[in-house]
């Protein structure tokens, strides 16, 4: 049963996937489109169940795969008198850490580290004006004068690359000088020498 579900299930899904993709292009009233919608929902539920199983596995170290949990399969010795070479606790710990590292490798690309850092900075610094600068100094990189100066909607001037990167990283980027949300920038037209 285990082999049929594990190998046969994956094989069946892989073979039916092209057909379901074609069904996604059918009209909404058709049976094929309804079957495609049902299969998409089932796939979503299965992925959520796998994630929940993984989190439970991290907690208790049993049932690495969802199919093992559904069939209530446990790892045991064939003969009770068999001498153990490696304890189950060690093997379970290794499996937990292996699963955890795979999970981190999966989730880390989805996390915007720069946005997390800026949120933490805002949280711990507060919302009051934090930077005392001259009008010719970039509040982000402290370049004096700014390289390709741009002015924000709050009136402070920044280097173009500094402010553009900050706004692309965090859609709710706050000015380091006044803590206002910066939602627009424009080229500073005046040339100066200082």
C-alpha atoms as a PDB file:
ATOM      1  CA  UNK A   1       0.000   0.000   0.000  1.00  0.00           C
ATOM      2  CA  UNK A   2       2.828   2.377   0.954  1.00  0.00           C
ATOM      3  CA  UNK A   3       4.697   1.830  -2.329  1.00  0.00           C
ATOM      4  CA  UNK A   4       1.538   2.192  -4.413  1.00  0.00           C
ATOM      5  CA  UNK A   5       0.616   5.502  -2.759  1.00  0.00           C
ATOM      6  CA  UNK A   6       4.138   6.911  -2.645  1.00  0.00           C
ATOM      7  CA  UNK A   7       5.355   5.994  -6.117  1.00  0.00           C
ATOM      8  CA  UNK A   8       2.058   5.474  -7.943  1.00  0.00           C
ATOM      9  CA  UNK A   9       0.534   8.690  -6.620  1.00  0.00           C
ATOM     10  CA  UNK A  10       3.455  10.811  -7.750  1.00  0.00           C
ATOM     11  CA  UNK A  11       3.542   9.056 -11.125  1.00  0.00           C
ATOM     12  CA  UNK A  12      -0.190   9.549 -11.655  1.00  0.00           C
ATOM     13  CA  UNK A  13      -0.044  13.248 -10.770  1.00  0.00           C
ATOM     14  CA  UNK A  14       2.927  13.795 -13.089  1.00  0.00           C
ATOM     15  CA  UNK A  15       1.114  12.109 -15.980  1.00  0.00           C
ATOM     16  CA  UNK A  16      -2.206  13.926 -15.410  1.00  0.00           C
ATOM     17  CA  UNK A  17      -0.705  17.402 -14.950  1.00  0.00           C
ATOM     18  CA  UNK A  18      -0.459  18.250 -18.701  1.00  0.00           C
ATOM     19  CA  UNK A  19      -4.105  17.265 -19.171  1.00  0.00           C
ATOM     20  CA  UNK A  20      -5.187  19.475 -16.235  1.00  0.00           C
ATOM     21  CA  UNK A  21      -3.227  22.386 -17.661  1.00  0.00           C
ATOM     22  CA  UNK A  22      -5.144  22.046 -20.925  1.00  0.00           C
ATOM     23  CA  UNK A  23      -8.411  21.893 -18.970  1.00  0.00           C
ATOM     24  CA  UNK A  24      -7.601  25.261 -17.377  1.00  0.00           C
ATOM     25  CA  UNK A  25      -8.189  26.908 -20.768  1.00  0.00           C
ATOM     26  CA  UNK A  26     -11.732  25.518 -21.164  1.00  0.00           C
ATOM     27  CA  UNK A  27     -14.828  27.737 -20.596  1.00  0.00           C
ATOM     28  CA  UNK A  28     -15.920  28.206 -16.954  1.00  0.00           C
ATOM     29  CA  UNK A  29     -19.170  26.197 -17.365  1.00  0.00           C
ATOM     30  CA  UNK A  30     -17.439  23.067 -18.704  1.00  0.00           C
ATOM     31  CA  UNK A  31     -16.894  19.942 -16.627  1.00  0.00           C
ATOM     32  CA  UNK A  32     -13.185  19.977 -17.445  1.00  0.00           C
ATOM     33  CA  UNK A  33     -12.750  23.488 -16.009  1.00  0.00           C
ATOM     34  CA  UNK A  34     -14.627  22.441 -12.844  1.00  0.00           C
ATOM     35  CA  UNK A  35     -12.387  19.373 -12.499  1.00  0.00           C
ATOM     36  CA  UNK A  36      -9.313  21.582 -12.957  1.00  0.00           C
ATOM     37  CA  UNK A  37     -10.566  23.950 -10.225  1.00  0.00           C
ATOM     38  CA  UNK A  38     -11.220  20.995  -7.902  1.00  0.00           C
ATOM     39  CA  UNK A  39      -7.749  19.545  -8.543  1.00  0.00           C
ATOM     40  CA  UNK A  40      -6.162  22.960  -7.916  1.00  0.00           C
ATOM     41  CA  UNK A  41      -7.939  23.201  -4.552  1.00  0.00           C
ATOM     42  CA  UNK A  42      -6.942  19.642  -3.637  1.00  0.00           C
ATOM     43  CA  UNK A  43      -3.335  20.424  -4.533  1.00  0.00           C
ATOM     44  CA  UNK A  44      -3.442  23.479  -2.263  1.00  0.00           C
ATOM     45  CA  UNK A  45      -4.888  21.441   0.620  1.00  0.00           C
ATOM     46  CA  UNK A  46      -2.237  18.761   0.094  1.00  0.00           C
ATOM     47  CA  UNK A  47       0.561  21.340   0.268  1.00  0.00           C
ATOM     48  CA  UNK A  48      -0.902  22.806   3.458  1.00  0.00           C
ATOM     49  CA  UNK A  49      -1.170  19.283   4.930  1.00  0.00           C
ATOM     50  CA  UNK A  50       2.490  18.649   4.027  1.00  0.00           C
ATOM     51  CA  UNK A  51       3.524  21.885   5.752  1.00  0.00           C
ATOM     52  CA  UNK A  52       1.521  21.001   8.881  1.00  0.00           C
ATOM     53  CA  UNK A  53       3.032  17.501   8.874  1.00  0.00           C
ATOM     54  CA  UNK A  54       6.508  19.003   8.563  1.00  0.00           C
ATOM     55  CA  UNK A  55       5.909  21.331  11.524  1.00  0.00           C
ATOM     56  CA  UNK A  56       4.583  18.423  13.596  1.00  0.00           C
ATOM     57  CA  UNK A  57       7.619  16.388  12.530  1.00  0.00           C
ATOM     58  CA  UNK A  58       9.902  19.172  13.746  1.00  0.00           C
ATOM     59  CA  UNK A  59       8.122  19.022  17.102  1.00  0.00           C
ATOM     60  CA  UNK A  60       7.972  15.267  17.719  1.00  0.00           C
ATOM     61  CA  UNK A  61      10.471  13.744  15.222  1.00  0.00           C
ATOM     62  CA  UNK A  62       8.026  11.099  13.928  1.00  0.00           C
ATOM     63  CA  UNK A  63       6.541  10.562  10.458  1.00  0.00           C
ATOM     64  CA  UNK A  64       8.862  12.350   8.045  1.00  0.00           C
ATOM     65  CA  UNK A  65       6.376  12.170   5.183  1.00  0.00           C
ATOM     66  CA  UNK A  66       2.663  12.870   5.171  1.00  0.00           C
ATOM     67  CA  UNK A  67       1.945   9.416   3.776  1.00  0.00           C
ATOM     68  CA  UNK A  68       3.746   7.852   6.771  1.00  0.00           C
ATOM     69  CA  UNK A  69       1.482   9.812   9.132  1.00  0.00           C
ATOM     70  CA  UNK A  70      -1.694   8.926   7.184  1.00  0.00           C
ATOM     71  CA  UNK A  71      -0.810   5.217   7.182  1.00  0.00           C
ATOM     72  CA  UNK A  72       0.514   5.417  10.806  1.00  0.00           C
ATOM     73  CA  UNK A  73       3.856   3.861   9.821  1.00  0.00           C
ATOM     74  CA  UNK A  74       6.629   3.822  12.420  1.00  0.00           C
ATOM     75  CA  UNK A  75      10.258   2.776  12.070  1.00  0.00           C
ATOM     76  CA  UNK A  76      10.959  -0.362  14.144  1.00  0.00           C
ATOM     77  CA  UNK A  77      13.577  -3.115  14.200  1.00  0.00           C
ATOM     78  CA  UNK A  78      12.766  -6.365  12.418  1.00  0.00           C
ATOM     79  CA  UNK A  79      14.142  -8.370  15.339  1.00  0.00           C
ATOM     80  CA  UNK A  80      13.951  -7.085  18.887  1.00  0.00           C
ATOM     81  CA  UNK A  81      17.286  -8.712  19.764  1.00  0.00           C
ATOM     82  CA  UNK A  82      19.109  -6.847  17.001  1.00  0.00           C
ATOM     83  CA  UNK A  83      21.952  -4.722  18.336  1.00  0.00           C
ATOM     84  CA  UNK A  84      21.504  -1.040  17.628  1.00  0.00           C
ATOM     85  CA  UNK A  85      24.322   0.661  15.808  1.00  0.00           C
ATOM     86  CA  UNK A  86      22.695   4.105  15.715  1.00  0.00           C
ATOM     87  CA  UNK A  87      19.955   5.150  18.095  1.00  0.00           C
ATOM     88  CA  UNK A  88      16.592   6.271  16.769  1.00  0.00           C
ATOM     89  CA  UNK A  89      16.936   9.521  18.737  1.00  0.00           C
ATOM     90  CA  UNK A  90      20.090  10.395  16.811  1.00  0.00           C
ATOM     91  CA  UNK A  91      18.527   9.460  13.475  1.00  0.00           C
ATOM     92  CA  UNK A  92      15.377  11.454  14.286  1.00  0.00           C
ATOM     93  CA  UNK A  93      17.490  14.466  15.285  1.00  0.00           C
ATOM     94  CA  UNK A  94      19.372  14.236  11.991  1.00  0.00           C
ATOM     95  CA  UNK A  95      16.114  13.997  10.060  1.00  0.00           C
ATOM     96  CA  UNK A  96      14.675  16.986  11.938  1.00  0.00           C
ATOM     97  CA  UNK A  97      17.693  19.158  11.173  1.00  0.00           C
ATOM     98  CA  UNK A  98      17.799  17.982   7.570  1.00  0.00           C
ATOM     99  CA  UNK A  99      14.117  18.844   7.182  1.00  0.00           C
ATOM    100  CA  UNK A 100      14.616  22.182   8.927  1.00  0.00           C
ATOM    101  CA  UNK A 101      17.497  23.177   6.646  1.00  0.00           C
ATOM    102  CA  UNK A 102      15.495  22.204   3.561  1.00  0.00           C
ATOM    103  CA  UNK A 103      12.589  24.289   4.860  1.00  0.00           C
ATOM    104  CA  UNK A 104      14.886  27.275   5.436  1.00  0.00           C
ATOM    105  CA  UNK A 105      16.368  26.906   1.945  1.00  0.00           C
ATOM    106  CA  UNK A 106      12.810  26.937   0.606  1.00  0.00           C
ATOM    107  CA  UNK A 107      11.550  29.914   2.647  1.00  0.00           C
ATOM    108  CA  UNK A 108      14.596  32.253   2.749  1.00  0.00           C
ATOM    109  CA  UNK A 109      14.346  33.476  -0.871  1.00  0.00           C
ATOM    110  CA  UNK A 110      10.797  34.630  -0.108  1.00  0.00           C
ATOM    111  CA  UNK A 111      11.880  36.882   2.770  1.00  0.00           C
ATOM    112  CA  UNK A 112      12.861  40.464   1.967  1.00  0.00           C
ATOM    113  CA  UNK A 113      15.782  40.903   4.388  1.00  0.00           C
ATOM    114  CA  UNK A 114      16.181  44.637   3.657  1.00  0.00           C
ATOM    115  CA  UNK A 115      12.518  45.263   4.492  1.00  0.00           C
ATOM    116  CA  UNK A 116      12.848  43.287   7.732  1.00  0.00           C
ATOM    117  CA  UNK A 117      15.934  45.325   8.697  1.00  0.00           C
ATOM    118  CA  UNK A 118      14.245  48.653   7.965  1.00  0.00           C
ATOM    119  CA  UNK A 119      11.143  47.605   9.918  1.00  0.00           C
ATOM    120  CA  UNK A 120      13.276  46.602  12.906  1.00  0.00           C
ATOM    121  CA  UNK A 121      15.189  49.885  12.712  1.00  0.00           C
ATOM    122  CA  UNK A 122      11.933  51.861  12.662  1.00  0.00           C
ATOM    123  CA  UNK A 123      10.563  49.825  15.541  1.00  0.00           C
ATOM    124  CA  UNK A 124      13.563  50.298  17.805  1.00  0.00           C
ATOM    125  CA  UNK A 125      14.415  53.864  16.792  1.00  0.00           C
ATOM    126  CA  UNK A 126      10.854  55.150  17.055  1.00  0.00           C
ATOM    127  CA  UNK A 127       9.110  57.556  14.701  1.00  0.00           C
ATOM    128  CA  UNK A 128      10.770  60.812  15.690  1.00  0.00           C
ATOM    129  CA  UNK A 129      13.269  62.564  13.429  1.00  0.00           C
ATOM    130  CA  UNK A 130      16.464  60.575  13.740  1.00  0.00           C
ATOM    131  CA  UNK A 131      19.043  62.153  11.463  1.00  0.00           C
ATOM    132  CA  UNK A 132      20.342  65.705  11.618  1.00  0.00           C
ATOM    133  CA  UNK A 133      21.754  66.524   8.182  1.00  0.00           C
ATOM    134  CA  UNK A 134      22.521  69.466   5.954  1.00  0.00           C
ATOM    135  CA  UNK A 135      20.471  69.973   2.802  1.00  0.00           C
ATOM    136  CA  UNK A 136      23.407  68.834   0.619  1.00  0.00           C
ATOM    137  CA  UNK A 137      23.984  65.528   2.473  1.00  0.00           C
ATOM    138  CA  UNK A 138      22.146  62.303   1.592  1.00  0.00           C
ATOM    139  CA  UNK A 139      20.345  61.010   4.736  1.00  0.00           C
ATOM    140  CA  UNK A 140      20.881  57.395   3.639  1.00  0.00           C
ATOM    141  CA  UNK A 141      24.566  57.196   2.652  1.00  0.00           C
ATOM    142  CA  UNK A 142      25.764  60.564   4.059  1.00  0.00           C
ATOM    143  CA  UNK A 143      27.360  61.533   0.707  1.00  0.00           C
ATOM    144  CA  UNK A 144      28.126  65.249   0.558  1.00  0.00           C
ATOM    145  CA  UNK A 145      26.996  66.463  -1.953  1.00  0.00           C
ATOM    146  CA  UNK A 146      24.400  63.948  -3.122  1.00  0.00           C
ATOM    147  CA  UNK A 147      25.131  61.980  -6.278  1.00  0.00           C
ATOM    148  CA  UNK A 148      22.370  62.756  -8.813  1.00  0.00           C
ATOM    149  CA  UNK A 149      20.135  64.491  -6.256  1.00  0.00           C
ATOM    150  CA  UNK A 150      16.429  63.714  -6.054  1.00  0.00           C
ATOM    151  CA  UNK A 151      13.955  65.349  -3.707  1.00  0.00           C
ATOM    152  CA  UNK A 152      11.219  63.353  -1.972  1.00  0.00           C
ATOM    153  CA  UNK A 153       7.652  64.361  -1.202  1.00  0.00           C
ATOM    154  CA  UNK A 154       8.814  65.307   2.330  1.00  0.00           C
ATOM    155  CA  UNK A 155      11.339  67.793   0.916  1.00  0.00           C
ATOM    156  CA  UNK A 156      14.600  66.023   1.775  1.00  0.00           C
ATOM    157  CA  UNK A 157      17.226  65.378  -0.894  1.00  0.00           C
ATOM    158  CA  UNK A 158      18.793  61.976  -1.541  1.00  0.00           C
ATOM    159  CA  UNK A 159      21.183  60.337  -3.967  1.00  0.00           C
ATOM    160  CA  UNK A 160      19.067  58.804  -6.728  1.00  0.00           C
ATOM    161  CA  UNK A 161      20.393  55.267  -6.225  1.00  0.00           C
ATOM    162  CA  UNK A 162      19.974  55.403  -2.453  1.00  0.00           C
ATOM    163  CA  UNK A 163      16.350  56.538  -2.499  1.00  0.00           C
ATOM    164  CA  UNK A 164      15.326  54.390  -5.474  1.00  0.00           C
ATOM    165  CA  UNK A 165      16.754  51.230  -3.887  1.00  0.00           C
ATOM    166  CA  UNK A 166      15.133  52.071  -0.542  1.00  0.00           C
ATOM    167  CA  UNK A 167      11.738  52.632  -2.194  1.00  0.00           C
ATOM    168  CA  UNK A 168      11.994  49.441  -4.256  1.00  0.00           C
ATOM    169  CA  UNK A 169      12.924  47.436  -1.170  1.00  0.00           C
ATOM    170  CA  UNK A 170      10.191  48.850   1.057  1.00  0.00           C
ATOM    171  CA  UNK A 171       7.013  50.320  -0.439  1.00  0.00           C
ATOM    172  CA  UNK A 172       6.374  52.128   2.864  1.00  0.00           C
ATOM    173  CA  UNK A 173       9.920  53.485   3.191  1.00  0.00           C
ATOM    174  CA  UNK A 174      10.188  56.278   5.754  1.00  0.00           C
ATOM    175  CA  UNK A 175      12.552  59.221   5.458  1.00  0.00           C
ATOM    176  CA  UNK A 176      15.445  58.825   7.927  1.00  0.00           C
ATOM    177  CA  UNK A 177      15.363  62.582   8.586  1.00  0.00           C
ATOM    178  CA  UNK A 178      11.648  63.113   9.319  1.00  0.00           C
ATOM    179  CA  UNK A 179      10.045  59.612   9.375  1.00  0.00           C
ATOM    180  CA  UNK A 180       7.427  60.501   6.744  1.00  0.00           C
ATOM    181  CA  UNK A 181       6.510  57.820   4.206  1.00  0.00           C
ATOM    182  CA  UNK A 182       8.199  58.564   0.888  1.00  0.00           C
ATOM    183  CA  UNK A 183       5.869  57.798  -1.986  1.00  0.00           C
ATOM    184  CA  UNK A 184       7.269  60.009  -4.750  1.00  0.00           C
ATOM    185  CA  UNK A 185      10.577  61.498  -5.827  1.00  0.00           C
ATOM    186  CA  UNK A 186      11.609  63.950  -8.526  1.00  0.00           C
ATOM    187  CA  UNK A 187      14.888  65.164  -9.929  1.00  0.00           C
ATOM    188  CA  UNK A 188      16.396  68.136  -8.084  1.00  0.00           C
ATOM    189  CA  UNK A 189      16.878  70.665 -10.904  1.00  0.00           C
ATOM    190  CA  UNK A 190      19.323  73.092  -9.284  1.00  0.00           C
ATOM    191  CA  UNK A 191      23.020  72.464  -9.827  1.00  0.00           C
ATOM    192  CA  UNK A 192      25.303  73.628  -7.066  1.00  0.00           C
ATOM    193  CA  UNK A 193      28.919  73.661  -6.055  1.00  0.00           C
ATOM    194  CA  UNK A 194      29.810  73.283  -2.441  1.00  0.00           C
END
